[in-house]
Protein backbone atom coordinates (compact mmCIF):
# COMPACT_ATOMS: atom_id res chain seq x y z
CA MET A 1 -6.02 -1.44 4.21
CA ALA A 2 -8.65 -0.78 6.08
CA LYS A 3 -6.53 2.04 7.41
CA GLU A 4 -6.92 3.56 4.04
CA LEU A 5 -10.37 2.59 3.35
CA ASP A 6 -11.29 4.52 6.83
CA SER A 7 -8.94 7.48 6.02
CA PRO A 8 -11.02 11.18 5.89
CA ASP A 9 -9.78 11.79 2.05
CA VAL A 10 -11.20 10.02 -0.36
CA GLY A 11 -8.86 9.74 -3.04
CA THR A 12 -6.74 7.44 -0.41
CA ARG A 13 -10.27 5.45 0.26
CA LEU A 14 -10.39 5.33 -3.58
CA ARG A 15 -6.66 3.96 -3.82
CA ALA A 16 -7.54 1.51 -1.26
CA LEU A 17 -10.22 -0.10 -3.22
CA GLU A 18 -8.00 -0.43 -6.15
CA ALA A 19 -5.30 -2.09 -4.58
CA TRP A 20 -7.71 -4.51 -2.73
CA ALA A 21 -9.39 -5.36 -6.38
CA GLN A 22 -6.22 -6.16 -7.24
CA SER A 23 -4.73 -8.45 -4.46
CA ALA A 24 -7.67 -10.23 -2.95
CA PRO A 25 -8.74 -13.67 -4.11
CA PRO A 26 -12.24 -13.95 -5.61
CA GLY A 27 -15.32 -13.81 -3.40
CA ALA A 28 -13.53 -11.34 -0.55
CA VAL A 29 -15.64 -8.85 -0.64
CA ASP A 30 -16.05 -7.64 3.01
CA PRO A 31 -14.03 -4.54 2.72
CA LEU A 32 -15.82 -3.94 -0.67
CA ILE A 33 -19.28 -3.93 1.34
CA LEU A 34 -18.32 -1.57 4.14
CA ALA A 35 -16.58 0.69 1.53
CA TYR A 36 -20.19 0.50 0.01
CA GLU A 37 -21.75 2.58 2.59
CA ASP A 38 -19.18 5.42 2.37
CA LYS A 39 -20.38 8.83 3.07
CA ASP A 40 -19.06 9.70 -1.16
CA GLU A 41 -20.73 8.49 -3.85
CA ARG A 42 -17.26 8.23 -5.58
CA VAL A 43 -16.32 5.39 -3.09
CA ARG A 44 -19.56 3.75 -3.34
CA ALA A 45 -19.72 3.78 -6.93
CA ARG A 46 -16.36 2.46 -7.76
CA ALA A 47 -16.99 -0.60 -4.58
CA MET A 48 -20.33 -1.27 -6.62
CA GLU A 49 -18.36 -1.48 -9.84
CA LEU A 50 -15.88 -4.44 -8.06
CA ILE A 51 -18.43 -5.92 -6.25
CA GLU A 52 -19.84 -6.68 -9.46
CA GLN A 53 -16.59 -7.22 -11.16
CA ASP A 54 -16.46 -10.33 -7.90
CA TRP A 55 -19.45 -11.41 -9.46
CA ALA A 56 -18.72 -11.80 -12.76
CA ARG A 57 -15.45 -13.88 -11.91
CA ALA A 58 -17.33 -16.31 -9.80
CA ALA A 59 -19.89 -17.10 -12.53
CA ASP A 60 -17.42 -17.28 -15.00
CA ALA A 61 -15.78 -19.64 -12.98
CA GLU A 62 -18.75 -21.78 -12.51
CA LYS A 63 -19.33 -22.60 -16.20
């Protein structure tokens, strides 16, 4: 997964984010935080959306 997140291809990085979001346990956002520093705005935006979704799931779980 880390290899794909470091790929020079934006599409590969975006697919890696989606795969991570589908398979990662709640709270496992380290790769998403790294992706938030990506040079491509689309990758940064998607990483932020996924981080926010993780936060929302965590908040719902606490209720």
